[in-house]
Each structure stands twice: as C-alpha cells, then as structure tokens.
C-alpha cells in the first residue's frame, strides 16, 4: 500500500513512514506512531508504505519502494515504528542503517521521546523558517 502524503516543502526533511502489519487497523496505529515521531522532529512524511510482516524484507514491495525513494532522493529517511518490522536483531537493523547511510539518508525507529529544544533553538528555527519562506531576513541569528 502506498500513500503520497504531501508535496515536499522547503526546509523540512522528507521521510518515508514504513510499517509491516497484518491488518489495516494495526498498520494505521503503527503509521500514526511513526508520523508522530516524524512531526515531532519537523520531518515531512511524503510516503506511507505498508507490507505484510510474514514476507521476507527483501521480497516486500513497500520496502523496495522505500529504499528506491532514498536512492532517487524523494525522501531523506525512513521511519519505522519498531526495528523488529525490518530486522531480526540490532546488528541487522544497524546493517539497514548503513544501507540508508550509503544513499545519503537515515533509518530510525520511532520512539516516544520528543527532542528537547532550548528557547534559543526554537527562535533560530522560527527565524530560519520565516526567512526560507520569504518572511523576513536572517537577522537575529547567532
């Protein structure tokens, strides 16, 4: 299953949300967890892909599409709600991270932790975002 989420917006990092689930309800829940992880980090989900978990990873059409999105730079990363969806252990997951890194991208497991930002970082991000959208110049950035 493939869902185009949005057009790429300047300043946001485009990512693929990937889930492996047997039912639509479970897939929706897993994708929501990955979506929260991405939006908490100001990443832009551009694709949502769902595969059956019983199929080996190398035979999953959704995973192949996710890797292709990294290769053609449609996306800069893949977010999975659990590493176990794509790997049998931490070593295998790290090997997949290297695969993504070789394409100039990243692979992450969604966690509940929200990244901590200082007030200065929040201000800097706001100024950069406004400047990128033509709002005002880059003054006030240190």
N, C-alpha and C. Protein backbone atom coordinates (compact mmCIF):
# COMPACT_ATOMS: atom_id res chain seq x y z
N UNK A 1 0.84 -1.17 0.00
CA UNK A 1 0.00 0.00 0.00
C UNK A 1 0.89 1.24 0.00
N UNK A 2 0.57 2.22 -0.81
CA UNK A 2 1.36 3.44 -0.95
C UNK A 2 0.44 4.63 -0.83
N UNK A 3 0.79 5.58 0.03
CA UNK A 3 0.05 6.83 0.15
C UNK A 3 1.01 7.98 -0.02
N UNK A 4 0.78 8.85 -1.01
CA UNK A 4 1.56 10.08 -1.12
C UNK A 4 0.98 11.04 -0.11
N UNK A 5 1.80 11.48 0.86
CA UNK A 5 1.31 12.32 1.95
C UNK A 5 1.26 13.79 1.60
N UNK A 6 2.29 14.30 0.96
CA UNK A 6 2.36 15.73 0.70
C UNK A 6 3.46 16.02 -0.30
N UNK A 7 3.37 17.21 -0.85
CA UNK A 7 4.48 17.69 -1.68
C UNK A 7 5.62 18.10 -0.75
N UNK A 8 6.83 18.01 -1.24
CA UNK A 8 7.99 18.37 -0.42
C UNK A 8 7.99 19.88 -0.20
N UNK A 9 8.13 20.29 1.06
CA UNK A 9 8.17 21.69 1.43
C UNK A 9 9.60 22.07 1.77
N UNK A 10 10.08 23.19 1.23
CA UNK A 10 11.45 23.60 1.53
C UNK A 10 11.67 23.73 3.05
N UNK A 11 12.83 23.29 3.52
CA UNK A 11 13.17 23.41 4.92
C UNK A 11 12.81 22.20 5.76
N UNK A 12 11.92 21.36 5.28
CA UNK A 12 11.54 20.17 6.01
C UNK A 12 12.22 18.95 5.39
N UNK A 13 12.55 17.99 6.22
CA UNK A 13 13.23 16.78 5.74
C UNK A 13 12.17 15.76 5.34
N UNK A 14 12.12 15.37 4.07
CA UNK A 14 11.12 14.40 3.63
C UNK A 14 11.50 12.98 4.08
N UNK A 15 10.53 12.26 4.64
CA UNK A 15 10.76 10.91 5.12
C UNK A 15 9.65 9.97 4.65
N UNK A 16 10.00 8.69 4.64
CA UNK A 16 9.05 7.62 4.35
C UNK A 16 8.63 7.02 5.69
N UNK A 17 7.34 6.80 5.87
CA UNK A 17 6.83 6.08 7.04
C UNK A 17 6.58 4.66 6.59
N UNK A 18 7.15 3.69 7.31
CA UNK A 18 7.05 2.29 6.89
C UNK A 18 6.50 1.43 8.02
N UNK A 19 5.57 0.54 7.67
CA UNK A 19 5.00 -0.39 8.65
C UNK A 19 4.83 -1.76 8.00
N UNK A 20 4.95 -2.77 8.82
CA UNK A 20 4.67 -4.14 8.40
C UNK A 20 3.61 -4.66 9.36
N UNK A 21 2.41 -4.89 8.83
CA UNK A 21 1.30 -5.31 9.68
C UNK A 21 0.34 -6.19 8.90
N UNK A 22 -0.36 -7.06 9.66
CA UNK A 22 -1.31 -7.98 9.05
C UNK A 22 -2.68 -7.36 8.80
N UNK A 23 -3.05 -6.36 9.60
CA UNK A 23 -4.37 -5.76 9.45
C UNK A 23 -4.25 -4.26 9.22
N UNK A 24 -5.29 -3.69 8.63
CA UNK A 24 -5.30 -2.25 8.38
C UNK A 24 -5.30 -1.46 9.69
N UNK A 25 -6.00 -1.96 10.70
CA UNK A 25 -6.06 -1.25 11.99
C UNK A 25 -4.68 -1.17 12.65
N UNK A 26 -3.96 -2.28 12.63
CA UNK A 26 -2.61 -2.30 13.21
C UNK A 26 -1.69 -1.41 12.39
N UNK A 27 -1.79 -1.49 11.07
CA UNK A 27 -0.95 -0.66 10.20
C UNK A 27 -1.21 0.83 10.47
N UNK A 28 -2.46 1.20 10.62
CA UNK A 28 -2.80 2.60 10.89
C UNK A 28 -2.19 3.07 12.21
N UNK A 29 -2.24 2.22 13.22
CA UNK A 29 -1.66 2.56 14.51
C UNK A 29 -0.14 2.72 14.43
N UNK A 30 0.51 1.79 13.72
CA UNK A 30 1.96 1.85 13.56
C UNK A 30 2.39 3.08 12.77
N UNK A 31 1.64 3.39 11.72
CA UNK A 31 1.97 4.57 10.92
C UNK A 31 1.74 5.86 11.71
N UNK A 32 0.74 5.87 12.56
CA UNK A 32 0.49 7.05 13.41
C UNK A 32 1.65 7.27 14.37
N UNK A 33 2.17 6.20 14.94
CA UNK A 33 3.33 6.32 15.83
C UNK A 33 4.53 6.87 15.06
N UNK A 34 4.78 6.37 13.87
CA UNK A 34 5.88 6.86 13.05
C UNK A 34 5.64 8.31 12.64
N UNK A 35 4.40 8.66 12.32
CA UNK A 35 4.05 10.02 11.93
C UNK A 35 4.31 11.00 13.07
N UNK A 36 3.92 10.63 14.29
CA UNK A 36 4.18 11.49 15.46
C UNK A 36 5.68 11.69 15.65
N UNK A 37 6.44 10.62 15.52
CA UNK A 37 7.89 10.71 15.67
C UNK A 37 8.46 11.68 14.63
N UNK A 38 8.00 11.58 13.41
CA UNK A 38 8.50 12.44 12.34
C UNK A 38 8.10 13.90 12.57
N UNK A 39 6.86 14.15 12.86
CA UNK A 39 6.41 15.54 13.02
C UNK A 39 7.00 16.19 14.27
N UNK A 40 7.26 15.41 15.31
CA UNK A 40 7.93 15.97 16.50
C UNK A 40 9.33 16.47 16.16
N UNK A 41 9.90 15.95 15.11
CA UNK A 41 11.26 16.33 14.69
C UNK A 41 11.25 17.28 13.49
N UNK A 42 10.04 17.71 13.12
CA UNK A 42 9.85 18.60 11.99
C UNK A 42 10.29 17.97 10.67
N UNK A 43 10.03 16.67 10.54
CA UNK A 43 10.24 15.97 9.29
C UNK A 43 8.91 15.90 8.57
N UNK A 44 8.95 15.82 7.26
CA UNK A 44 7.73 15.80 6.46
C UNK A 44 7.49 14.41 5.86
N UNK A 45 6.47 13.69 6.33
CA UNK A 45 6.16 12.39 5.71
C UNK A 45 5.68 12.59 4.27
N UNK A 46 6.37 11.96 3.33
CA UNK A 46 5.99 12.08 1.92
C UNK A 46 5.42 10.78 1.37
N UNK A 47 5.70 9.67 2.03
CA UNK A 47 5.16 8.36 1.63
C UNK A 47 4.82 7.55 2.86
N UNK A 48 3.74 6.80 2.78
CA UNK A 48 3.39 5.82 3.82
C UNK A 48 3.31 4.47 3.12
N UNK A 49 4.11 3.53 3.60
CA UNK A 49 4.17 2.22 2.96
C UNK A 49 3.85 1.13 3.96
N UNK A 50 3.05 0.15 3.53
CA UNK A 50 2.65 -0.95 4.40
C UNK A 50 2.91 -2.26 3.67
N UNK A 51 3.55 -3.18 4.37
CA UNK A 51 3.80 -4.52 3.85
C UNK A 51 3.31 -5.56 4.84
N UNK A 52 3.21 -6.80 4.36
CA UNK A 52 2.88 -7.93 5.23
C UNK A 52 4.15 -8.37 5.96
N UNK A 53 4.08 -8.58 7.27
CA UNK A 53 5.28 -8.94 8.03
C UNK A 53 5.78 -10.36 7.76
N UNK A 54 4.93 -11.24 7.25
CA UNK A 54 5.33 -12.63 7.03
C UNK A 54 6.27 -12.78 5.83
N UNK A 55 6.29 -11.79 4.96
CA UNK A 55 7.12 -11.83 3.76
C UNK A 55 8.54 -11.37 4.12
N UNK A 56 9.57 -12.05 3.62
CA UNK A 56 10.94 -11.60 3.90
C UNK A 56 11.14 -10.16 3.41
N UNK A 57 11.93 -9.39 4.14
CA UNK A 57 12.13 -7.98 3.85
C UNK A 57 12.54 -7.74 2.40
N UNK A 58 13.43 -8.55 1.88
CA UNK A 58 13.91 -8.36 0.51
C UNK A 58 12.82 -8.59 -0.55
N UNK A 59 11.73 -9.25 -0.17
CA UNK A 59 10.63 -9.52 -1.10
C UNK A 59 9.44 -8.58 -0.91
N UNK A 60 9.55 -7.63 -0.02
CA UNK A 60 8.43 -6.71 0.26
C UNK A 60 8.44 -5.55 -0.72
N UNK A 61 7.35 -5.36 -1.46
CA UNK A 61 7.31 -4.25 -2.42
C UNK A 61 7.37 -2.88 -1.75
N UNK A 62 6.76 -2.73 -0.60
CA UNK A 62 6.80 -1.44 0.11
C UNK A 62 8.21 -1.08 0.53
N UNK A 63 8.96 -2.06 1.06
CA UNK A 63 10.34 -1.79 1.48
C UNK A 63 11.20 -1.42 0.27
N UNK A 64 11.00 -2.14 -0.84
CA UNK A 64 11.75 -1.83 -2.06
C UNK A 64 11.45 -0.39 -2.51
N UNK A 65 10.20 0.02 -2.40
CA UNK A 65 9.82 1.37 -2.77
C UNK A 65 10.45 2.40 -1.82
N UNK A 66 10.52 2.08 -0.54
CA UNK A 66 11.14 2.97 0.44
C UNK A 66 12.62 3.17 0.12
N UNK A 67 13.32 2.09 -0.15
CA UNK A 67 14.74 2.17 -0.48
C UNK A 67 14.93 2.95 -1.79
N UNK A 68 14.04 2.74 -2.75
CA UNK A 68 14.12 3.49 -4.01
C UNK A 68 13.91 4.98 -3.77
N UNK A 69 13.02 5.33 -2.85
CA UNK A 69 12.78 6.74 -2.52
C UNK A 69 14.04 7.39 -1.95
N UNK A 70 14.84 6.61 -1.22
CA UNK A 70 16.12 7.12 -0.73
C UNK A 70 17.10 7.30 -1.89
N UNK A 71 17.14 6.31 -2.76
CA UNK A 71 18.07 6.34 -3.88
C UNK A 71 17.81 7.51 -4.83
N UNK A 72 16.53 7.76 -5.12
CA UNK A 72 16.23 8.86 -6.04
C UNK A 72 15.99 10.18 -5.32
N UNK A 73 16.26 10.20 -4.01
CA UNK A 73 16.19 11.39 -3.15
C UNK A 73 14.80 12.00 -3.05
N UNK A 74 13.77 11.18 -3.23
CA UNK A 74 12.41 11.61 -2.94
C UNK A 74 12.26 11.78 -1.44
N UNK A 75 13.01 10.97 -0.69
CA UNK A 75 12.99 11.03 0.78
C UNK A 75 14.43 11.00 1.28
N UNK A 76 14.62 11.55 2.47
CA UNK A 76 15.95 11.57 3.10
C UNK A 76 16.06 10.60 4.25
N UNK A 77 14.95 9.93 4.58
CA UNK A 77 14.98 8.98 5.67
C UNK A 77 13.77 8.07 5.67
N UNK A 78 13.88 6.99 6.46
CA UNK A 78 12.77 6.05 6.67
C UNK A 78 12.52 5.96 8.16
N UNK A 79 11.26 6.08 8.56
CA UNK A 79 10.87 5.96 9.96
C UNK A 79 10.02 4.71 10.11
N UNK A 80 10.46 3.79 10.98
CA UNK A 80 9.68 2.60 11.29
C UNK A 80 9.26 2.69 12.76
N UNK A 81 8.09 2.18 13.09
CA UNK A 81 7.65 2.28 14.48
C UNK A 81 8.35 1.28 15.38
N UNK A 82 8.89 0.20 14.80
CA UNK A 82 9.65 -0.78 15.57
C UNK A 82 10.70 -1.41 14.68
N UNK A 83 11.91 -1.51 15.19
CA UNK A 83 13.00 -2.09 14.42
C UNK A 83 12.70 -3.54 14.02
N UNK A 84 11.93 -4.24 14.85
CA UNK A 84 11.61 -5.64 14.57
C UNK A 84 10.81 -5.82 13.29
N UNK A 85 10.22 -4.75 12.76
CA UNK A 85 9.48 -4.84 11.50
C UNK A 85 10.40 -5.09 10.31
N UNK A 86 11.65 -4.66 10.45
CA UNK A 86 12.58 -4.75 9.32
C UNK A 86 13.83 -5.56 9.63
N UNK A 87 14.04 -5.91 10.89
CA UNK A 87 15.27 -6.62 11.27
C UNK A 87 15.00 -7.61 12.39
N UNK A 88 15.78 -8.69 12.41
CA UNK A 88 15.65 -9.70 13.46
C UNK A 88 16.47 -9.39 14.70
N UNK A 89 17.31 -8.39 14.64
CA UNK A 89 18.12 -8.02 15.79
C UNK A 89 18.80 -6.69 15.55
N UNK A 90 19.52 -6.21 16.57
CA UNK A 90 20.15 -4.90 16.46
C UNK A 90 21.24 -4.86 15.39
N UNK A 91 21.97 -5.96 15.22
CA UNK A 91 23.02 -5.99 14.19
C UNK A 91 22.41 -5.86 12.79
N UNK A 92 21.31 -6.54 12.57
CA UNK A 92 20.65 -6.46 11.26
C UNK A 92 20.07 -5.06 11.04
N UNK A 93 19.51 -4.47 12.09
CA UNK A 93 18.97 -3.11 11.97
C UNK A 93 20.09 -2.12 11.66
N UNK A 94 21.22 -2.28 12.31
CA UNK A 94 22.37 -1.41 12.04
C UNK A 94 22.87 -1.58 10.60
N UNK A 95 22.80 -2.79 10.07
CA UNK A 95 23.19 -3.01 8.67
C UNK A 95 22.24 -2.26 7.74
N UNK A 96 20.95 -2.22 8.08
CA UNK A 96 19.99 -1.47 7.28
C UNK A 96 20.24 0.04 7.41
N UNK A 97 20.69 0.47 8.59
CA UNK A 97 21.03 1.88 8.77
C UNK A 97 22.20 2.25 7.86
N UNK A 98 23.15 1.34 7.71
CA UNK A 98 24.30 1.57 6.81
C UNK A 98 23.81 1.63 5.36
N UNK A 99 22.87 0.76 5.00
CA UNK A 99 22.28 0.79 3.66
C UNK A 99 21.68 2.16 3.38
N UNK A 100 20.94 2.70 4.35
CA UNK A 100 20.36 4.04 4.19
C UNK A 100 21.45 5.10 4.10
N UNK A 101 22.43 5.00 4.99
CA UNK A 101 23.53 5.98 5.02
C UNK A 101 24.29 5.99 3.69
N UNK A 102 24.44 4.83 3.06
CA UNK A 102 25.11 4.75 1.76
C UNK A 102 24.35 5.52 0.68
N UNK A 103 23.09 5.75 0.93
CA UNK A 103 22.26 6.52 -0.01
C UNK A 103 22.12 7.97 0.45
N UNK A 104 22.90 8.36 1.44
CA UNK A 104 22.85 9.74 1.94
C UNK A 104 21.62 10.02 2.78
N UNK A 105 21.10 8.99 3.42
CA UNK A 105 19.85 9.13 4.17
C UNK A 105 19.99 8.46 5.54
N UNK A 106 18.86 8.24 6.21
CA UNK A 106 18.87 7.62 7.53
C UNK A 106 17.68 6.70 7.70
N UNK A 107 17.80 5.79 8.65
CA UNK A 107 16.74 4.87 9.06
C UNK A 107 16.63 5.00 10.57
N UNK A 108 15.43 5.25 11.08
CA UNK A 108 15.25 5.38 12.52
C UNK A 108 14.03 4.60 12.98
N UNK A 109 14.11 4.21 14.24
CA UNK A 109 12.98 3.57 14.92
C UNK A 109 12.25 4.66 15.69
N UNK A 110 10.94 4.72 15.53
CA UNK A 110 10.14 5.73 16.24
C UNK A 110 10.17 5.45 17.74
N UNK A 111 10.38 6.49 18.49
CA UNK A 111 10.34 6.39 19.95
C UNK A 111 9.36 7.42 20.46
N UNK A 112 8.98 7.31 21.70
CA UNK A 112 8.06 8.27 22.29
C UNK A 112 8.73 9.54 22.75
N UNK A 113 10.05 9.56 22.77
CA UNK A 113 10.77 10.72 23.27
C UNK A 113 10.72 11.87 22.27
N UNK A 114 10.34 13.04 22.76
CA UNK A 114 10.31 14.24 21.94
C UNK A 114 11.66 14.94 22.09
N UNK A 115 12.25 15.38 20.98
CA UNK A 115 13.55 16.03 21.10
C UNK A 115 13.45 17.31 21.92
N UNK A 116 14.43 17.52 22.78
CA UNK A 116 14.45 18.69 23.65
C UNK A 116 15.10 19.85 22.89
N UNK A 117 14.43 20.99 22.90
CA UNK A 117 14.98 22.17 22.25
C UNK A 117 15.02 23.32 23.25
N UNK A 118 16.12 24.04 23.24
CA UNK A 118 16.24 25.22 24.10
C UNK A 118 15.44 26.35 23.48
N UNK A 119 15.09 27.39 24.26
CA UNK A 119 14.38 28.54 23.67
C UNK A 119 15.16 29.17 22.51
N UNK A 120 16.48 29.19 22.60
CA UNK A 120 17.29 29.74 21.51
C UNK A 120 17.16 28.93 20.24
N UNK A 121 17.11 27.60 20.37
CA UNK A 121 16.96 26.75 19.19
C UNK A 121 15.59 26.96 18.55
N UNK A 122 14.57 27.10 19.38
CA UNK A 122 13.22 27.33 18.86
C UNK A 122 13.19 28.64 18.08
N UNK A 123 13.78 29.70 18.65
CA UNK A 123 13.81 31.01 17.98
C UNK A 123 14.58 30.90 16.66
N UNK A 124 15.73 30.24 16.68
CA UNK A 124 16.55 30.11 15.48
C UNK A 124 15.79 29.37 14.39
N UNK A 125 15.12 28.29 14.74
CA UNK A 125 14.33 27.54 13.75
C UNK A 125 13.22 28.41 13.17
N UNK A 126 12.57 29.19 14.02
CA UNK A 126 11.48 30.04 13.56
C UNK A 126 12.01 31.08 12.57
N UNK A 127 13.16 31.72 12.90
CA UNK A 127 13.74 32.73 12.02
C UNK A 127 14.15 32.10 10.69
N UNK A 128 14.80 30.94 10.74
CA UNK A 128 15.22 30.28 9.50
C UNK A 128 14.02 29.89 8.64
N UNK A 129 12.97 29.40 9.28
CA UNK A 129 11.77 29.01 8.54
C UNK A 129 11.12 30.22 7.89
N UNK A 130 11.02 31.31 8.63
CA UNK A 130 10.43 32.54 8.08
C UNK A 130 11.28 33.08 6.92
N UNK A 131 12.59 33.06 7.09
CA UNK A 131 13.47 33.56 6.03
C UNK A 131 13.36 32.68 4.78
N UNK A 132 13.28 31.38 4.97
CA UNK A 132 13.16 30.46 3.83
C UNK A 132 11.86 30.67 3.08
N UNK A 133 10.83 31.09 3.79
CA UNK A 133 9.54 31.31 3.14
C UNK A 133 9.36 32.75 2.67
N UNK A 134 10.43 33.58 2.81
CA UNK A 134 10.37 34.96 2.34
C UNK A 134 9.79 35.91 3.36
N UNK A 135 9.63 35.45 4.61
CA UNK A 135 9.00 36.27 5.65
C UNK A 135 9.84 37.46 6.09
N UNK A 136 11.09 37.23 6.42
CA UNK A 136 11.99 38.32 6.79
C UNK A 136 13.42 37.83 6.71
N UNK A 137 14.38 38.76 6.70
CA UNK A 137 15.79 38.37 6.51
C UNK A 137 16.35 37.64 7.72
N UNK A 138 17.56 37.13 7.54
CA UNK A 138 18.23 36.32 8.57
C UNK A 138 18.94 37.17 9.63
N UNK A 139 18.35 38.21 10.12
CA UNK A 139 18.96 38.96 11.22
C UNK A 139 18.54 38.31 12.53
N UNK A 140 19.33 38.46 13.53
CA UNK A 140 18.99 37.89 14.84
C UNK A 140 19.45 36.47 15.04
N UNK A 141 20.14 35.86 14.06
CA UNK A 141 20.64 34.50 14.18
C UNK A 141 22.07 34.56 14.68
N UNK A 142 22.38 33.79 15.68
CA UNK A 142 23.74 33.76 16.21
C UNK A 142 24.37 32.42 15.94
